[in-house]
Amino acid sequence: MKKVIFHIDVNSAYLSWSSLKALAEGEKTDYRTVPCVVGGDESKRHGVVLAKSLPAKQYGIRTGESLFEARRKCPVLTILKPDFTTYVKMSRAMFRIFEKYSPDIYQYSIDEAFLDMTGMEELLGTPAEAAGRLKDEIRDNLGFTVNVGISSNYLLAKMASDLEKPDKIHTLFPHEIREKMWPLPVGELFSVGRSAGKKLEKHGVKTIGDLAALDRSRLVSEMGVQGGVIWDYANGIESSPLVQREIKEKSYGSSITTSEDVETCEAACQMLLGLCETVGTRLRLDSMKVSTISVQVTDYNFKKRSHQKSLGHSTDVTAEIYEAACVLMRELWNGTPVRLIGVSGGKAAVEEYEQLSLFTDEKTEKQKKLDRAMDSLKSRFGDDAVVRASLLKNFGRSGGMARAKMKQKLENDRDGRQK
């Protein structure tokens, strides 16, 4: 039976989801149509771009670069603060739609997934027909667009979903590699970053096809394992698997793959905060806690590294998860630029079976109360009601709306009590 894999990727996920939230709250501008990014604190030069609109991309703005540099490229840029509670809700709604199409779903990140569609033709029609229905159902029901890549392995499906955006379906089967993939710039090949691109320039490599035509053994001798992997990828061979299907235990994770290298530990830790917010929010929504934290990175040489630590107790506190993740990132960091950053919590258990720490202090208890207060405020008044200072740019228009809604809600509650 012919293997069929879908890769679904939300178009500018954080930006799209933040824009939909703002429109629902009365904002007139669709931020997807103007130069706009989602990022951290603009007043701190180490705040980084987490997502960008297509108009922002036209200014040369890249995911992972500093907000300071993004503002320099585009003085009229709009910068939105991240809204992780909304992102988790949007992601979950999308994954519920995935369940209608395949029983075999692999979540690659909060906004990406692989679906094994092998053998589903009799139920759903051709792969192209099923992909079209899936894409349109997400757009019509949830309001945002996705790209769907179709192929016989995970690598080519992911490459296919990146061919042209937004709201597109692309196939990239092995017989289509020469026509569709080889003419692309070599930097568009999955796992080839800026540093690897510079090495390949010495060989006169400009396109993926140029890379595929090189002698593999020579490339391995000069670039090591990375040379063999990228040669395989250029030829459509998934020699280093993109996904690991074995799941040993219940875990909660989030990751981000950047289009450019993340070159400093400080920038990596900035990106970790958003990932930890997502993990913490998901845990609290599910009434789960984790007792191990792990951080994973993939560097520009395609070397994967990870560190894990046991907390000695269970937690769903964002600050604890982030503190542990930063310790692990500093241990992992060796100065080599990275392309993928991920954080996960393992050994998840229902809240009633929490293992208490002998060293739980007053600060930790305050953090627990803070998280729950933030979750409650966001649930009642919207996700703009309260924001971590380190993620805050400014409230701006949407923040003013949130404060007005909060004020009105408090007044209604007060009137209700008086009655």
Protein backbone atom coordinates (compact mmCIF):
# COMPACT_ATOMS: atom_id res chain seq x y z
CA MET A 1 0.00 0.00 0.00
CA LYS A 2 1.37 3.41 -0.99
CA LYS A 3 2.30 5.56 1.99
CA VAL A 4 0.54 8.93 2.12
CA ILE A 5 1.60 11.63 4.60
CA PHE A 6 0.05 15.07 5.07
CA HIS A 7 1.95 17.95 6.68
CA ILE A 8 -0.34 20.75 7.86
CA ASP A 9 1.21 24.09 8.73
CA VAL A 10 -0.74 27.15 9.90
CA ASN A 11 0.11 30.24 7.87
CA SER A 12 1.83 32.69 10.27
CA ALA A 13 0.14 30.98 13.20
CA TYR A 14 0.74 33.35 16.11
CA LEU A 15 0.11 36.38 13.91
CA SER A 16 -3.07 34.90 12.42
CA TRP A 17 -4.44 33.82 15.78
CA SER A 18 -3.69 37.17 17.42
CA SER A 19 -5.33 38.97 14.50
CA LEU A 20 -8.48 36.85 14.73
CA LYS A 21 -8.70 37.56 18.46
CA ALA A 22 -8.32 41.30 17.86
CA LEU A 23 -10.98 41.30 15.13
CA ALA A 24 -13.38 39.47 17.44
CA GLU A 25 -12.84 42.18 20.04
CA GLY A 26 -13.66 45.01 17.63
CA GLU A 27 -10.32 45.84 16.03
CA LYS A 28 -10.87 47.18 12.49
CA THR A 29 -7.47 46.26 11.06
CA ASP A 30 -6.72 42.69 10.08
CA TYR A 31 -3.11 42.49 11.19
CA ARG A 32 -2.45 39.81 8.58
CA THR A 33 -2.79 42.46 5.87
CA VAL A 34 -0.31 45.02 7.26
CA PRO A 35 3.37 44.89 8.32
CA CYS A 36 2.99 43.23 11.72
CA VAL A 37 4.86 40.80 13.96
CA VAL A 38 4.24 38.98 17.22
CA GLY A 39 7.09 39.47 19.66
CA GLY A 40 8.14 40.32 23.19
CA ASP A 41 9.12 43.59 24.81
CA GLU A 42 10.20 46.10 22.17
CA SER A 43 11.89 48.30 24.79
CA LYS A 44 14.41 45.49 25.36
CA ARG A 45 16.63 44.98 22.36
CA HIS A 46 16.76 41.22 22.92
CA GLY A 47 13.02 40.77 22.31
CA VAL A 48 12.60 38.56 19.24
CA VAL A 49 10.13 38.08 16.39
CA LEU A 50 7.98 34.99 16.94
CA ALA A 51 5.76 35.36 13.87
CA LYS A 52 5.32 37.81 10.99
CA SER A 53 2.70 38.79 8.43
CA LEU A 54 3.37 38.45 4.70
CA PRO A 55 3.67 42.27 4.34
CA ALA A 56 6.28 42.23 7.13
CA LYS A 57 8.16 39.46 5.34
CA GLN A 58 8.40 41.72 2.29
CA TYR A 59 10.52 44.10 4.38
CA GLY A 60 13.01 41.27 4.98
CA ILE A 61 11.87 40.64 8.55
CA ARG A 62 12.74 37.13 9.75
CA THR A 63 11.43 34.92 12.54
CA GLY A 64 13.95 34.86 15.39
CA GLU A 65 15.55 38.24 14.74
CA SER A 66 15.41 41.04 17.29
CA LEU A 67 12.46 43.40 17.42
CA PHE A 68 14.96 46.24 17.34
CA GLU A 69 16.27 45.04 13.98
CA ALA A 70 12.72 44.42 12.69
CA ARG A 71 11.71 47.99 13.60
CA ARG A 72 14.82 49.30 11.84
CA LYS A 73 13.76 47.51 8.65
CA CYS A 74 10.15 48.69 8.90
CA PRO A 75 9.50 51.89 10.93
CA VAL A 76 5.70 51.50 10.53
CA LEU A 77 5.75 47.97 11.92
CA THR A 78 2.96 46.95 14.34
CA ILE A 79 4.16 44.70 17.16
CA LEU A 80 1.68 42.51 19.05
CA LYS A 81 2.38 40.75 22.30
CA PRO A 82 2.00 36.94 22.38
CA ASP A 83 -1.31 35.51 23.56
CA PHE A 84 -0.55 31.89 24.46
CA THR A 85 -3.92 31.02 25.94
CA THR A 86 -5.58 31.88 22.65
CA TYR A 87 -2.91 29.97 20.71
CA VAL A 88 -3.55 26.80 22.71
CA LYS A 89 -7.31 27.08 22.17
CA MET A 90 -6.91 27.65 18.42
CA SER A 91 -4.48 24.75 18.14
CA ARG A 92 -6.80 22.39 19.98
CA ALA A 93 -9.73 23.35 17.78
CA MET A 94 -7.62 22.58 14.71
CA PHE A 95 -6.51 19.21 16.06
CA ARG A 96 -10.14 18.27 16.71
CA ILE A 97 -10.72 18.73 12.99
CA PHE A 98 -7.66 16.56 12.22
CA GLU A 99 -9.31 13.72 14.14
CA LYS A 100 -12.06 13.59 11.53
CA TYR A 101 -9.52 12.75 8.83
CA SER A 102 -6.99 10.36 10.38
CA PRO A 103 -6.55 8.29 13.54
CA ASP A 104 -2.76 8.67 13.24
CA ILE A 105 -1.78 12.25 14.09
CA TYR A 106 1.65 13.47 15.11
CA GLN A 107 1.80 16.97 16.62
CA TYR A 108 5.07 18.49 15.41
CA SER A 109 4.46 21.83 17.16
CA ILE A 110 1.53 23.93 18.32
CA ASP A 111 0.83 24.95 14.71
CA GLU A 112 2.12 21.97 12.72
CA ALA A 113 1.11 18.34 12.43
CA PHE A 114 1.67 15.26 10.32
CA LEU A 115 -1.28 13.02 9.43
CA ASP A 116 -0.74 9.49 8.18
CA MET A 117 -3.42 9.21 5.50
CA THR A 118 -2.36 5.78 4.21
CA GLY A 119 -5.40 3.70 3.21
CA MET A 120 -7.89 6.54 3.71
CA GLU A 121 -8.72 6.94 0.00
CA GLU A 122 -11.84 4.76 0.14
CA LEU A 123 -13.29 6.89 2.92
CA LEU A 124 -12.09 10.36 1.95
CA GLY A 125 -11.30 10.24 -1.76
CA THR A 126 -7.95 11.05 -3.33
CA PRO A 127 -5.28 12.70 -1.14
CA ALA A 128 -5.78 15.99 -2.99
CA GLU A 129 -9.55 15.85 -2.39
CA ALA A 130 -9.13 15.05 1.31
CA ALA A 131 -6.54 17.81 1.71
CA GLY A 132 -8.86 20.30 0.05
CA ARG A 133 -11.72 19.49 2.40
CA LEU A 134 -9.42 19.62 5.43
CA LYS A 135 -7.92 22.96 4.44
CA ASP A 136 -11.28 24.53 3.67
CA GLU A 137 -12.91 23.22 6.86
CA ILE A 138 -10.22 24.88 8.96
CA ARG A 139 -10.53 28.15 7.05
CA ASP A 140 -14.35 28.23 7.06
CA ASN A 141 -14.86 27.08 10.67
CA LEU A 142 -11.87 28.58 12.47
CA GLY A 143 -11.05 31.61 10.33
CA PHE A 144 -7.37 30.99 9.58
CA THR A 145 -5.59 29.31 6.71
CA VAL A 146 -3.18 26.40 6.48
CA ASN A 147 -0.93 24.86 3.88
CA VAL A 148 -1.09 21.13 3.26
CA GLY A 149 1.87 19.20 1.88
CA ILE A 150 1.31 15.68 0.52
CA SER A 151 3.97 13.05 -0.06
CA SER A 152 5.13 9.54 0.75
CA ASN A 153 7.38 10.53 3.67
CA TYR A 154 7.50 13.19 6.37
CA LEU A 155 10.41 15.14 4.89
CA LEU A 156 8.88 15.64 1.46
CA ALA A 157 5.45 16.40 2.94
CA LYS A 158 7.00 19.17 5.02
CA MET A 159 8.93 20.51 2.04
CA ALA A 160 5.73 20.44 -0.01
CA SER A 161 3.78 22.54 2.50
CA ASP A 162 6.39 25.29 2.18
CA LEU A 163 6.36 25.56 -1.63
CA GLU A 164 3.92 28.47 -1.89
CA LYS A 165 1.80 30.17 0.76
CA PRO A 166 -0.83 30.88 1.98
CA ASP A 167 -3.89 28.60 1.82
CA LYS A 168 -2.35 26.13 -0.66
CA ILE A 169 -2.08 22.40 -1.27
CA HIS A 170 1.08 20.96 -2.79
CA THR A 171 2.29 17.46 -3.60
CA LEU A 172 5.95 16.47 -3.62
CA PHE A 173 6.30 12.79 -4.41
CA PRO A 174 9.72 11.35 -5.33
CA HIS A 175 9.05 11.62 -9.07
CA GLU A 176 8.32 15.37 -8.62
CA ILE A 177 11.56 16.25 -6.83
CA ARG A 178 13.49 17.16 -9.98
CA GLU A 179 10.81 19.57 -11.18
CA LYS A 180 9.52 21.07 -7.92
CA MET A 181 12.34 20.89 -5.35
CA TRP A 182 15.69 20.91 -7.13
CA PRO A 183 15.30 24.41 -8.65
CA LEU A 184 14.77 25.95 -5.17
CA PRO A 185 17.59 27.87 -3.41
CA VAL A 186 19.58 25.48 -1.23
CA GLY A 187 18.69 27.51 1.87
CA GLU A 188 15.06 26.39 1.49
CA LEU A 189 15.97 22.76 2.09
CA PHE A 190 14.85 21.61 5.53
CA SER A 191 17.79 21.82 7.97
CA VAL A 192 20.05 23.99 5.78
CA GLY A 193 20.63 27.25 7.60
CA ARG A 194 22.82 30.25 6.93
CA SER A 195 26.01 28.66 8.24
CA ALA A 196 25.54 25.44 6.26
CA GLY A 197 24.70 27.55 3.22
CA LYS A 198 28.04 29.32 3.47
CA LYS A 199 29.87 26.00 3.56
CA LEU A 200 27.99 24.83 0.48
CA GLU A 201 28.89 28.01 -1.40
CA LYS A 202 32.48 26.79 -1.42
CA HIS A 203 31.28 23.91 -3.59
CA GLY A 204 29.41 26.25 -5.94
CA VAL A 205 26.06 25.04 -4.58
CA LYS A 206 23.22 27.46 -5.20
CA THR A 207 20.17 25.21 -5.57
CA ILE A 208 18.92 22.03 -3.93
CA GLY A 209 19.59 20.31 -7.25
CA ASP A 210 23.24 21.40 -7.08
CA LEU A 211 23.49 19.82 -3.65
CA ALA A 212 21.82 16.61 -4.81
CA ALA A 213 24.37 16.29 -7.63
CA LEU A 214 27.43 16.45 -5.33
CA ASP A 215 29.40 13.36 -4.39
CA ARG A 216 27.95 12.22 -1.07
CA SER A 217 31.15 10.71 0.32
CA ARG A 218 33.08 13.91 -0.35
CA LEU A 219 30.39 15.98 1.36
CA VAL A 220 30.49 13.69 4.41
CA SER A 221 34.29 13.95 4.59
CA GLU A 222 34.10 17.76 4.61
CA MET A 223 30.93 18.40 6.63
CA GLY A 224 30.57 15.25 8.72
CA VAL A 225 27.19 13.71 9.51
CA GLN A 226 25.41 16.90 8.49
CA GLY A 227 26.79 16.57 4.96
CA GLY A 228 25.30 13.12 4.54
CA VAL A 229 21.93 14.12 5.99
CA ILE A 230 21.45 17.19 3.81
CA TRP A 231 22.57 15.25 0.70
CA ASP A 232 19.96 12.60 1.53
CA TYR A 233 17.31 15.28 2.10
CA ALA A 234 18.17 16.95 -1.21
CA ASN A 235 17.46 13.61 -2.88
CA GLY A 236 14.20 13.09 -0.98
CA ILE A 237 15.64 10.43 1.34
CA GLU A 238 14.53 10.75 4.97
CA SER A 239 17.66 9.15 6.45
CA SER A 240 17.33 11.15 9.68
CA PRO A 241 13.66 10.91 10.68
CA LEU A 242 11.79 14.14 11.27
CA VAL A 243 9.48 12.56 13.84
CA GLN A 244 9.91 10.01 16.58
CA ARG A 245 6.70 8.05 16.96
CA GLU A 246 7.56 6.22 20.19
CA ILE A 247 5.83 7.87 23.15
CA LYS A 248 6.95 6.39 26.43
CA GLU A 249 4.85 8.51 28.70
CA LYS A 250 2.32 11.31 28.73
CA SER A 251 4.10 14.58 28.10
CA TYR A 252 3.35 18.17 27.18
CA GLY A 253 5.66 19.99 24.81
CA SER A 254 6.01 22.93 22.48
CA SER A 255 8.69 23.77 19.94
CA ILE A 256 9.55 26.33 17.31
CA THR A 257 11.60 26.02 14.14
CA THR A 258 13.08 29.34 13.03
CA SER A 259 13.80 30.34 9.46
CA GLU A 260 17.18 31.75 10.57
CA ASP A 261 19.79 30.64 13.08
CA VAL A 262 19.34 31.64 16.72
CA GLU A 263 22.86 32.74 17.56
CA THR A 264 22.86 33.59 21.28
CA CYS A 265 21.78 31.81 24.44
CA GLU A 266 19.95 34.96 25.53
CA ALA A 267 17.79 34.92 22.39
CA ALA A 268 17.16 31.20 22.83
CA CYS A 269 15.96 31.76 26.41
CA GLN A 270 13.65 34.54 25.20
CA MET A 271 12.03 32.06 22.81
CA LEU A 272 11.81 29.50 25.62
CA LEU A 273 9.53 31.77 27.64
CA GLY A 274 6.78 31.63 25.04
CA LEU A 275 7.11 27.86 24.75
CA CYS A 276 6.91 27.47 28.54
CA GLU A 277 3.81 29.68 28.63
CA THR A 278 2.17 27.34 26.14
CA VAL A 279 3.14 24.21 28.09
CA GLY A 280 1.99 25.69 31.41
CA THR A 281 -1.33 26.83 29.99
CA ARG A 282 -2.03 23.40 28.48
CA LEU A 283 -1.19 21.68 31.77
CA ARG A 284 -3.51 23.88 33.80
CA LEU A 285 -6.35 23.52 31.28
CA ASP A 286 -6.04 19.73 31.59
CA SER A 287 -5.51 19.77 35.39
CA MET A 288 -2.19 17.97 34.88
CA LYS A 289 1.27 18.43 36.37
CA VAL A 290 4.71 17.29 35.28
CA SER A 291 7.78 16.31 37.27
CA THR A 292 10.49 16.35 34.59
CA ILE A 293 11.50 19.13 32.22
CA SER A 294 13.54 18.69 29.06
CA VAL A 295 14.90 21.11 26.48
CA GLN A 296 15.78 20.08 22.94
CA VAL A 297 17.71 21.97 20.28
CA THR A 298 18.72 21.19 16.73
CA ASP A 299 21.70 23.22 15.57
CA TYR A 300 22.62 24.42 12.10
CA ASN A 301 24.80 21.32 11.68
CA PHE A 302 21.64 19.25 12.18
CA LYS A 303 22.97 17.87 15.44
CA LYS A 304 20.26 17.27 18.00
CA ARG A 305 20.98 17.80 21.68
CA SER A 306 18.77 17.60 24.72
CA HIS A 307 19.03 17.85 28.49
CA GLN A 308 16.50 16.74 31.06
CA LYS A 309 16.12 17.21 34.76
CA SER A 310 13.80 15.94 37.44
CA LEU A 311 12.15 18.63 39.53
CA GLY A 312 11.66 16.35 42.52
CA HIS A 313 8.02 17.34 42.59
CA SER A 314 5.10 17.93 40.22
CA THR A 315 4.23 21.36 38.86
CA ASP A 316 2.12 23.28 36.40
CA VAL A 317 3.69 26.64 37.30
CA THR A 318 4.99 28.50 34.26
CA ALA A 319 7.76 30.23 36.21
CA GLU A 320 9.11 26.91 37.52
CA ILE A 321 9.01 25.33 34.07
CA TYR A 322 10.77 28.34 32.56
CA GLU A 323 13.43 28.51 35.28
CA ALA A 324 14.28 24.84 34.79
CA ALA A 325 14.25 25.24 31.00
CA CYS A 326 16.68 28.16 31.14
CA VAL A 327 19.07 26.16 33.33
CA LEU A 328 18.96 23.33 30.81
CA MET A 329 19.43 25.71 27.86
CA ARG A 330 22.53 27.22 29.45
CA GLU A 331 23.91 23.74 30.04
CA LEU A 332 23.20 22.81 26.43
CA TRP A 333 24.51 25.99 24.86
CA ASN A 334 27.93 25.63 23.29
CA GLY A 335 27.93 28.68 21.05
CA THR A 336 26.62 26.81 18.00
CA PRO A 337 23.62 28.54 16.36
CA VAL A 338 20.38 26.55 16.55
CA ARG A 339 17.34 26.23 14.29
CA LEU A 340 14.87 24.35 16.48
CA ILE A 341 14.10 24.93 20.16
CA GLY A 342 11.69 22.81 22.17
CA VAL A 343 10.64 22.35 25.77
CA SER A 344 8.55 19.57 27.25
CA GLY A 345 7.31 18.37 30.60
CA GLY A 346 7.19 14.64 31.26
CA LYS A 347 5.70 12.14 33.71
CA ALA A 348 2.43 14.03 33.62
CA ALA A 349 -0.15 13.09 36.23
CA VAL A 350 -3.59 14.28 37.22
CA GLU A 351 -3.52 17.10 39.72
CA GLU A 352 -4.97 15.19 42.66
CA TYR A 353 -1.89 12.94 42.69
CA GLU A 354 0.61 15.78 42.85
CA GLN A 355 3.89 14.86 44.52
CA LEU A 356 4.68 17.69 46.89
CA SER A 357 8.21 19.01 47.30
CA LEU A 358 9.80 19.25 50.72
CA PHE A 359 11.29 22.53 49.56
CA THR A 360 8.14 24.26 48.32
CA ASP A 361 8.55 27.86 49.44
CA GLU A 362 6.38 30.93 49.73
CA LYS A 363 7.55 32.18 46.33
CA THR A 364 6.38 29.01 44.61
CA GLU A 365 2.97 29.23 46.25
CA LYS A 366 2.69 32.82 45.07
CA GLN A 367 3.57 31.75 41.54
CA LYS A 368 0.84 29.09 41.64
CA LYS A 369 -1.69 31.67 42.74
CA LEU A 370 -0.42 34.08 40.09
CA ASP A 371 -0.84 31.53 37.29
CA ARG A 372 -4.35 30.65 38.40
CA ALA A 373 -5.27 34.29 38.79
CA MET A 374 -3.97 34.99 35.29
CA ASP A 375 -5.88 32.03 33.87
CA SER A 376 -9.05 33.20 35.61
CA LEU A 377 -8.70 36.78 34.41
CA LYS A 378 -8.01 35.66 30.85
CA SER A 379 -11.00 33.35 30.93
CA ARG A 380 -13.35 36.08 32.16
CA PHE A 381 -12.01 39.19 30.46
CA GLY A 382 -9.93 37.93 27.53
CA ASP A 383 -6.28 37.19 27.09
CA ASP A 384 -5.27 40.86 27.00
CA ALA A 385 -6.44 41.35 30.59
CA VAL A 386 -3.07 40.43 32.07
CA VAL A 387 0.35 39.88 30.49
CA ARG A 388 3.75 38.91 31.83
CA ALA A 389 5.98 41.97 31.90
CA SER A 390 8.73 40.19 29.98
CA LEU A 391 6.32 39.57 27.08
CA LEU A 392 4.70 42.99 27.19
CA LYS A 393 5.18 45.60 24.48
CA ASN A 394 2.27 47.84 25.39
CA PHE A 395 -1.42 47.37 25.73
CA GLY A 396 -2.31 49.75 22.97
CA ARG A 397 -5.75 49.62 21.57
CA SER A 398 -6.54 46.01 22.35
CA GLY A 399 -5.33 46.45 25.91
CA GLY A 400 -7.61 49.43 26.37
CA MET A 401 -10.52 47.33 25.19
CA ALA A 402 -9.59 44.57 27.61
CA ARG A 403 -9.44 47.00 30.53
CA ALA A 404 -12.80 48.45 29.54
CA LYS A 405 -14.33 44.97 29.41
CA MET A 406 -12.82 44.14 32.78
CA LYS A 407 -14.15 47.32 34.30
CA GLN A 408 -17.64 46.67 32.90
CA LYS A 409 -17.57 43.06 34.11
CA LEU A 410 -16.53 44.11 37.61
CA GLU A 411 -19.29 46.71 37.69
CA ASN A 412 -21.85 44.11 36.58
CA ASP A 413 -20.63 41.69 39.26
CA ARG A 414 -20.87 44.41 41.89
CA ASP A 415 -24.39 45.39 40.78
CA GLY A 416 -25.42 41.75 40.87
CA ARG A 417 -24.19 41.35 44.44
CA GLN A 418 -25.97 44.52 45.53
CA LYS A 419 -29.24 43.21 44.08
